[in-house]
């Protein structure tokens, strides 16, 4: 091997080492960002789980208020507009739960996507 070839080989080896270290840094950065994203997504998933539990309680309360309003309507204590307001409130609570279920499912999909599944 001529001397010039030796220096070129040495430079190429040094360049390869630098590129290898750069790839290692990129890999570590990717893994760190991926872990951070997963933690955020898991936090968001837990938030929607809590909202769904709250939604169930709200729906149960709205349903009992609607039933009480129906009895009041039948006894002439309230008018039909008041009763319809309670019916709409129960329906809105059910819609809110459906929205939270969809948001939770979207987060579950994002978690699977982030994990590579």
N, C-alpha and C. Protein backbone atom coordinates (compact mmCIF):
# COMPACT_ATOMS: atom_id res chain seq x y z
N UNK A 1 0.86 -1.18 0.00
CA UNK A 1 0.00 0.00 0.00
C UNK A 1 0.90 1.23 0.00
N UNK A 2 0.66 2.14 -0.94
CA UNK A 2 1.43 3.39 -0.93
C UNK A 2 1.05 4.23 0.28
N UNK A 3 1.93 5.13 0.66
CA UNK A 3 1.70 5.97 1.83
C UNK A 3 0.44 6.81 1.66
N UNK A 4 0.19 7.32 0.46
CA UNK A 4 -1.02 8.13 0.25
C UNK A 4 -2.28 7.30 0.49
N UNK A 5 -2.25 6.03 0.13
CA UNK A 5 -3.38 5.14 0.39
C UNK A 5 -3.58 4.90 1.87
N UNK A 6 -2.52 4.87 2.63
CA UNK A 6 -2.62 4.69 4.08
C UNK A 6 -3.32 5.87 4.73
N UNK A 7 -2.96 7.09 4.30
CA UNK A 7 -3.60 8.28 4.86
C UNK A 7 -5.08 8.35 4.46
N UNK A 8 -5.38 7.97 3.24
CA UNK A 8 -6.77 7.97 2.79
C UNK A 8 -7.58 6.95 3.59
N UNK A 9 -7.00 5.79 3.83
CA UNK A 9 -7.68 4.76 4.62
C UNK A 9 -7.92 5.25 6.05
N UNK A 10 -6.94 5.93 6.61
CA UNK A 10 -7.08 6.46 7.96
C UNK A 10 -8.19 7.51 8.03
N UNK A 11 -8.25 8.38 7.02
CA UNK A 11 -9.31 9.41 6.98
C UNK A 11 -10.68 8.76 6.81
N UNK A 12 -10.75 7.76 5.96
CA UNK A 12 -12.03 7.08 5.74
C UNK A 12 -12.51 6.37 7.00
N UNK A 13 -11.57 5.78 7.74
CA UNK A 13 -11.93 5.13 8.99
C UNK A 13 -12.42 6.15 10.01
N UNK A 14 -11.74 7.30 10.08
CA UNK A 14 -12.17 8.36 11.00
C UNK A 14 -13.55 8.88 10.60
N UNK A 15 -13.77 9.05 9.31
CA UNK A 15 -15.07 9.51 8.82
C UNK A 15 -16.16 8.49 9.13
N UNK A 16 -15.85 7.22 8.97
CA UNK A 16 -16.81 6.16 9.30
C UNK A 16 -17.14 6.17 10.79
N UNK A 17 -16.15 6.38 11.63
CA UNK A 17 -16.39 6.46 13.08
C UNK A 17 -17.31 7.63 13.41
N UNK A 18 -17.08 8.77 12.77
CA UNK A 18 -17.92 9.95 13.01
C UNK A 18 -19.36 9.68 12.58
N UNK A 19 -19.51 9.07 11.41
CA UNK A 19 -20.86 8.77 10.92
C UNK A 19 -21.56 7.75 11.82
N UNK A 20 -20.82 6.78 12.33
CA UNK A 20 -21.39 5.79 13.24
C UNK A 20 -21.87 6.46 14.52
N UNK A 21 -21.06 7.38 15.04
CA UNK A 21 -21.47 8.11 16.25
C UNK A 21 -22.69 8.98 15.98
N UNK A 22 -22.76 9.58 14.79
CA UNK A 22 -23.92 10.40 14.44
C UNK A 22 -25.19 9.55 14.38
N UNK A 23 -25.08 8.36 13.83
CA UNK A 23 -26.23 7.45 13.77
C UNK A 23 -26.65 7.05 15.18
N UNK A 24 -25.67 6.78 16.05
CA UNK A 24 -25.99 6.43 17.44
C UNK A 24 -26.72 7.57 18.14
N UNK A 25 -26.28 8.80 17.90
CA UNK A 25 -26.94 9.97 18.51
C UNK A 25 -28.37 10.09 17.98
N UNK A 26 -28.55 9.90 16.69
CA UNK A 26 -29.90 9.96 16.11
C UNK A 26 -30.79 8.87 16.69
N UNK A 27 -30.24 7.69 16.87
CA UNK A 27 -31.01 6.59 17.43
C UNK A 27 -31.44 6.91 18.86
N UNK A 28 -30.51 7.39 19.66
CA UNK A 28 -30.83 7.75 21.04
C UNK A 28 -31.87 8.87 21.09
N UNK A 29 -31.74 9.82 20.20
CA UNK A 29 -32.71 10.92 20.14
C UNK A 29 -34.09 10.40 19.77
N UNK A 30 -34.14 9.50 18.79
CA UNK A 30 -35.41 8.91 18.38
C UNK A 30 -36.05 8.15 19.54
N UNK A 31 -35.27 7.32 20.22
CA UNK A 31 -35.80 6.53 21.33
C UNK A 31 -36.30 7.43 22.46
N UNK A 32 -35.56 8.50 22.74
CA UNK A 32 -35.98 9.43 23.78
C UNK A 32 -37.30 10.10 23.40
N UNK A 33 -37.37 10.61 22.18
CA UNK A 33 -38.60 11.27 21.72
C UNK A 33 -39.77 10.31 21.66
N UNK A 34 -39.51 9.08 21.27
CA UNK A 34 -40.56 8.06 21.21
C UNK A 34 -41.10 7.77 22.61
N UNK A 35 -40.21 7.63 23.58
CA UNK A 35 -40.62 7.37 24.96
C UNK A 35 -41.42 8.55 25.51
N UNK A 36 -40.98 9.75 25.21
CA UNK A 36 -41.69 10.95 25.65
C UNK A 36 -43.10 11.00 25.05
N UNK A 37 -43.20 10.70 23.77
CA UNK A 37 -44.50 10.68 23.10
C UNK A 37 -45.41 9.63 23.73
N UNK A 38 -44.88 8.45 24.01
CA UNK A 38 -45.68 7.39 24.63
C UNK A 38 -46.19 7.80 26.00
N UNK A 39 -45.35 8.46 26.77
CA UNK A 39 -45.78 8.91 28.09
C UNK A 39 -46.92 9.92 27.97
N UNK A 40 -46.79 10.84 27.03
CA UNK A 40 -47.85 11.84 26.83
C UNK A 40 -49.14 11.16 26.38
N UNK A 41 -49.02 10.20 25.49
CA UNK A 41 -50.21 9.50 25.00
C UNK A 41 -50.86 8.67 26.10
N UNK A 42 -50.08 8.05 26.94
CA UNK A 42 -50.64 7.28 28.05
C UNK A 42 -51.33 8.19 29.06
N UNK A 43 -50.77 9.37 29.28
CA UNK A 43 -51.41 10.35 30.16
C UNK A 43 -52.75 10.79 29.57
N UNK A 44 -52.76 11.02 28.27
CA UNK A 44 -53.99 11.42 27.60
C UNK A 44 -55.03 10.30 27.65
N UNK A 45 -54.59 9.07 27.48
CA UNK A 45 -55.49 7.92 27.55
C UNK A 45 -56.13 7.83 28.93
N UNK A 46 -55.34 8.01 29.96
CA UNK A 46 -55.86 7.97 31.34
C UNK A 46 -56.86 9.09 31.57
N UNK A 47 -56.60 10.25 30.97
CA UNK A 47 -57.52 11.38 31.10
C UNK A 47 -58.88 11.03 30.51
N UNK A 48 -58.88 10.42 29.33
CA UNK A 48 -60.15 10.06 28.70
C UNK A 48 -60.85 8.94 29.46
N UNK A 49 -60.09 8.03 30.06
CA UNK A 49 -60.71 6.99 30.90
C UNK A 49 -61.45 7.63 32.07
N UNK A 50 -60.82 8.62 32.71
CA UNK A 50 -61.48 9.31 33.83
C UNK A 50 -62.72 10.06 33.34
N UNK A 51 -62.62 10.68 32.17
CA UNK A 51 -63.78 11.39 31.62
C UNK A 51 -64.93 10.43 31.34
N UNK A 52 -64.61 9.25 30.83
CA UNK A 52 -65.66 8.27 30.55
C UNK A 52 -66.35 7.81 31.83
N UNK A 53 -65.58 7.64 32.89
CA UNK A 53 -66.19 7.27 34.18
C UNK A 53 -67.10 8.39 34.68
N UNK A 54 -66.64 9.62 34.54
CA UNK A 54 -67.45 10.78 34.94
C UNK A 54 -68.70 10.87 34.07
N UNK A 55 -68.54 10.62 32.77
CA UNK A 55 -69.68 10.67 31.85
C UNK A 55 -70.77 9.70 32.28
N UNK A 56 -70.39 8.50 32.70
CA UNK A 56 -71.38 7.52 33.14
C UNK A 56 -72.18 8.05 34.33
N UNK A 57 -71.50 8.69 35.27
CA UNK A 57 -72.20 9.25 36.44
C UNK A 57 -73.10 10.41 36.02
N UNK A 58 -72.62 11.24 35.11
CA UNK A 58 -73.43 12.38 34.65
C UNK A 58 -74.68 11.88 33.94
N UNK A 59 -74.52 10.87 33.09
CA UNK A 59 -75.67 10.32 32.36
C UNK A 59 -76.69 9.74 33.34
N UNK A 60 -76.22 9.04 34.35
CA UNK A 60 -77.14 8.47 35.35
C UNK A 60 -77.90 9.58 36.07
N UNK A 61 -77.20 10.64 36.43
CA UNK A 61 -77.86 11.77 37.10
C UNK A 61 -78.85 12.46 36.18
N UNK A 62 -78.44 12.69 34.94
CA UNK A 62 -79.33 13.35 33.97
C UNK A 62 -80.57 12.50 33.72
N UNK A 63 -80.39 11.20 33.69
CA UNK A 63 -81.52 10.30 33.47
C UNK A 63 -82.51 10.37 34.63
N UNK A 64 -81.99 10.40 35.84
CA UNK A 64 -82.89 10.48 37.00
C UNK A 64 -83.59 11.83 37.05
N UNK A 65 -82.90 12.90 36.66
CA UNK A 65 -83.54 14.22 36.61
C UNK A 65 -84.62 14.22 35.54
N UNK A 66 -84.35 13.58 34.40
CA UNK A 66 -85.35 13.51 33.33
C UNK A 66 -86.58 12.75 33.80
N UNK A 67 -86.38 11.64 34.50
CA UNK A 67 -87.51 10.86 35.00
C UNK A 67 -88.32 11.66 36.01
N UNK A 68 -87.64 12.40 36.87
CA UNK A 68 -88.35 13.25 37.84
C UNK A 68 -89.12 14.35 37.11
N UNK A 69 -88.52 14.88 36.05
CA UNK A 69 -89.19 15.92 35.27
C UNK A 69 -90.42 15.36 34.57
N UNK A 70 -90.34 14.12 34.12
CA UNK A 70 -91.50 13.49 33.48
C UNK A 70 -92.65 13.39 34.47
N UNK A 71 -92.34 12.98 35.69
CA UNK A 71 -93.38 12.90 36.72
C UNK A 71 -93.96 14.28 37.01
N UNK A 72 -93.11 15.30 37.03
CA UNK A 72 -93.59 16.67 37.26
C UNK A 72 -94.45 17.14 36.10
N UNK A 73 -94.06 16.77 34.88
CA UNK A 73 -94.84 17.15 33.70
C UNK A 73 -96.22 16.49 33.76
N UNK A 74 -96.27 15.22 34.11
CA UNK A 74 -97.54 14.50 34.18
C UNK A 74 -98.44 15.07 35.27
N UNK A 75 -97.85 15.65 36.31
CA UNK A 75 -98.63 16.24 37.40
C UNK A 75 -98.86 17.74 37.22
N UNK A 76 -98.42 18.28 36.09
CA UNK A 76 -98.66 19.69 35.80
C UNK A 76 -97.76 20.67 36.55
N UNK A 77 -96.70 20.20 37.15
CA UNK A 77 -95.79 21.08 37.90
C UNK A 77 -94.90 21.86 36.94
N UNK A 78 -94.46 21.22 35.85
CA UNK A 78 -93.63 21.90 34.85
C UNK A 78 -94.31 21.78 33.50
N UNK A 79 -93.86 22.59 32.55
CA UNK A 79 -94.43 22.50 31.21
C UNK A 79 -93.52 21.64 30.32
N UNK A 80 -93.97 21.43 29.10
CA UNK A 80 -93.24 20.54 28.19
C UNK A 80 -91.87 21.10 27.82
N UNK A 81 -91.72 22.41 27.76
CA UNK A 81 -90.42 23.01 27.44
C UNK A 81 -89.39 22.67 28.52
N UNK A 82 -89.82 22.71 29.78
CA UNK A 82 -88.91 22.36 30.88
C UNK A 82 -88.50 20.89 30.79
N UNK A 83 -89.47 20.04 30.46
CA UNK A 83 -89.17 18.61 30.32
C UNK A 83 -88.20 18.37 29.16
N UNK A 84 -88.46 19.03 28.03
CA UNK A 84 -87.58 18.86 26.86
C UNK A 84 -86.16 19.34 27.15
N UNK A 85 -86.04 20.36 27.99
CA UNK A 85 -84.71 20.83 28.38
C UNK A 85 -83.94 19.71 29.09
N UNK A 86 -84.63 18.97 29.94
CA UNK A 86 -83.98 17.86 30.66
C UNK A 86 -83.67 16.69 29.72
N UNK A 87 -84.58 16.43 28.76
CA UNK A 87 -84.33 15.39 27.77
C UNK A 87 -83.08 15.74 26.96
N UNK A 88 -83.00 17.01 26.53
CA UNK A 88 -81.84 17.46 25.76
C UNK A 88 -80.55 17.40 26.58
N UNK A 89 -80.64 17.71 27.86
CA UNK A 89 -79.46 17.65 28.72
C UNK A 89 -78.95 16.21 28.82
N UNK A 90 -79.87 15.26 28.93
CA UNK A 90 -79.45 13.85 28.98
C UNK A 90 -78.83 13.44 27.65
N UNK A 91 -79.44 13.84 26.54
CA UNK A 91 -78.89 13.51 25.23
C UNK A 91 -77.50 14.12 25.04
N UNK A 92 -77.33 15.36 25.49
CA UNK A 92 -76.02 16.01 25.38
C UNK A 92 -74.96 15.28 26.21
N UNK A 93 -75.35 14.78 27.36
CA UNK A 93 -74.42 14.01 28.19
C UNK A 93 -74.02 12.71 27.48
N UNK A 94 -74.99 12.07 26.81
CA UNK A 94 -74.68 10.85 26.06
C UNK A 94 -73.76 11.15 24.88
N UNK A 95 -74.01 12.28 24.21
CA UNK A 95 -73.14 12.68 23.09
C UNK A 95 -71.73 12.99 23.57
N UNK A 96 -71.61 13.62 24.72
CA UNK A 96 -70.29 13.92 25.28
C UNK A 96 -69.53 12.62 25.56
N UNK A 97 -70.25 11.61 26.05
CA UNK A 97 -69.60 10.32 26.30
C UNK A 97 -69.12 9.69 25.00
N UNK A 98 -69.94 9.76 23.97
CA UNK A 98 -69.55 9.20 22.67
C UNK A 98 -68.30 9.92 22.15
N UNK A 99 -68.27 11.24 22.29
CA UNK A 99 -67.10 12.00 21.87
C UNK A 99 -65.85 11.56 22.64
N UNK A 100 -65.99 11.40 23.94
CA UNK A 100 -64.84 10.97 24.75
C UNK A 100 -64.40 9.55 24.40
N UNK A 101 -65.35 8.68 24.04
CA UNK A 101 -64.99 7.33 23.61
C UNK A 101 -64.18 7.38 22.32
N UNK A 102 -64.61 8.23 21.38
CA UNK A 102 -63.87 8.37 20.12
C UNK A 102 -62.48 8.94 20.36
N UNK A 103 -62.38 9.93 21.23
CA UNK A 103 -61.08 10.52 21.53
C UNK A 103 -60.17 9.48 22.19
N UNK A 104 -60.73 8.67 23.08
CA UNK A 104 -59.94 7.61 23.72
C UNK A 104 -59.45 6.60 22.69
N UNK A 105 -60.34 6.22 21.75
CA UNK A 105 -59.95 5.28 20.70
C UNK A 105 -58.85 5.86 19.81
N UNK A 106 -58.94 7.15 19.52
CA UNK A 106 -57.90 7.79 18.71
C UNK A 106 -56.55 7.74 19.43
N UNK A 107 -56.56 7.96 20.73
CA UNK A 107 -55.31 7.90 21.50
C UNK A 107 -54.77 6.47 21.50
N UNK A 108 -55.66 5.48 21.62
CA UNK A 108 -55.22 4.08 21.59
C UNK A 108 -54.55 3.77 20.24
N UNK A 109 -55.14 4.28 19.17
CA UNK A 109 -54.54 4.08 17.84
C UNK A 109 -53.17 4.75 17.78
N UNK A 110 -53.08 5.97 18.30
CA UNK A 110 -51.80 6.68 18.31
C UNK A 110 -50.74 5.92 19.10
N UNK A 111 -51.14 5.34 20.22
CA UNK A 111 -50.19 4.56 21.04
C UNK A 111 -49.70 3.35 20.24
N UNK A 112 -50.61 2.66 19.58
CA UNK A 112 -50.20 1.50 18.77
C UNK A 112 -49.27 1.93 17.64
N UNK A 113 -49.59 3.06 17.02
CA UNK A 113 -48.76 3.57 15.92
C UNK A 113 -47.37 3.94 16.43
N UNK A 114 -47.31 4.59 17.58
CA UNK A 114 -46.02 4.98 18.15
C UNK A 114 -45.19 3.75 18.52
N UNK A 115 -45.87 2.70 19.00
CA UNK A 115 -45.17 1.46 19.35
C UNK A 115 -44.78 0.64 18.12
N UNK A 116 -45.31 1.01 16.98
CA UNK A 116 -44.99 0.28 15.76
C UNK A 116 -45.87 -0.93 15.52
N UNK A 117 -47.03 -0.96 16.16
CA UNK A 117 -47.96 -2.09 15.99
C UNK A 117 -49.01 -1.76 14.96
